[in-house]
C-alpha atoms as a PDB file:
ATOM      1  CA  MET A   1       7.118 -24.648 -27.741  1.00  0.00           C
ATOM      2  CA  LYS A   2       5.923 -21.168 -26.898  1.00  0.00           C
ATOM      3  CA  LEU A   3       3.754 -20.556 -23.844  1.00  0.00           C
ATOM      4  CA  PRO A   4       0.482 -19.923 -25.739  1.00  0.00           C
ATOM      5  CA  ASP A   5       0.883 -23.235 -27.613  1.00  0.00           C
ATOM      6  CA  ALA A   6       1.622 -25.023 -24.336  1.00  0.00           C
ATOM      7  CA  VAL A   7      -1.510 -23.580 -22.723  1.00  0.00           C
ATOM      8  CA  ILE A   8      -3.655 -24.634 -25.688  1.00  0.00           C
ATOM      9  CA  ALA A   9      -2.134 -28.138 -25.684  1.00  0.00           C
ATOM     10  CA  ALA A  10      -2.617 -28.488 -21.917  1.00  0.00           C
ATOM     11  CA  THR A  11      -6.245 -27.402 -22.217  1.00  0.00           C
ATOM     12  CA  ALA A  12      -6.937 -29.938 -24.968  1.00  0.00           C
ATOM     13  CA  LEU A  13      -5.226 -32.658 -22.915  1.00  0.00           C
ATOM     14  CA  SER A  14      -7.202 -31.850 -19.772  1.00  0.00           C
ATOM     15  CA  TRP A  15     -10.514 -31.957 -21.681  1.00  0.00           C
ATOM     16  CA  GLY A  16      -9.560 -35.034 -23.708  1.00  0.00           C
ATOM     17  CA  ALA A  17     -10.257 -33.008 -26.840  1.00  0.00           C
ATOM     18  CA  THR A  18      -8.767 -33.325 -30.303  1.00  0.00           C
ATOM     19  CA  LEU A  19      -6.769 -30.231 -31.190  1.00  0.00           C
ATOM     20  CA  LEU A  20      -7.217 -28.923 -34.728  1.00  0.00           C
ATOM     21  CA  THR A  21      -3.961 -27.308 -35.833  1.00  0.00           C
ATOM     22  CA  ASN A  22      -1.657 -26.552 -38.714  1.00  0.00           C
ATOM     23  CA  ASP A  23       1.393 -26.832 -36.409  1.00  0.00           C
ATOM     24  CA  SER A  24       2.772 -30.353 -36.846  1.00  0.00           C
ATOM     25  CA  ARG A  25       5.004 -29.925 -33.769  1.00  0.00           C
ATOM     26  CA  LEU A  26       1.954 -30.131 -31.513  1.00  0.00           C
ATOM     27  CA  GLY A  27       1.522 -33.719 -32.694  1.00  0.00           C
ATOM     28  CA  LEU A  28       4.700 -34.552 -30.770  1.00  0.00           C
ATOM     29  CA  VAL A  29       3.077 -33.843 -27.392  1.00  0.00           C
ATOM     30  CA  PRO A  30       2.561 -37.214 -25.659  1.00  0.00           C
ATOM     31  CA  GLY A  31      -1.116 -38.081 -25.284  1.00  0.00           C
ATOM     32  CA  LEU A  32      -2.359 -35.089 -27.276  1.00  0.00           C
ATOM     33  CA  LYS A  33      -4.803 -35.980 -30.032  1.00  0.00           C
ATOM     34  CA  THR A  34      -4.360 -33.702 -33.028  1.00  0.00           C
ATOM     35  CA  GLN A  35      -5.822 -33.329 -36.471  1.00  0.00           C
ATOM     36  CA  THR A  36      -3.821 -31.346 -38.991  1.00  0.00           C
ATOM     37  CA  LEU A  37      -5.603 -28.707 -41.016  1.00  0.00           C
ATOM     38  CA  ALA A  38      -4.212 -27.639 -44.366  1.00  0.00           C
ATOM     39  CA  LEU A  39      -4.207 -23.914 -44.979  1.00  0.00           C
ATOM     40  CA  LYS A  40      -4.891 -22.711 -48.491  1.00  0.00           C
END
């Protein structure tokens, strides 16, 4: 994971927020709630 992705994931974790993303790898972060967005 690149540093910007790690910072975004850490921020979402610290706020207890759901992260909207099109990067399925972020769903592998323990405790991180994600929702995948499909790009058209």
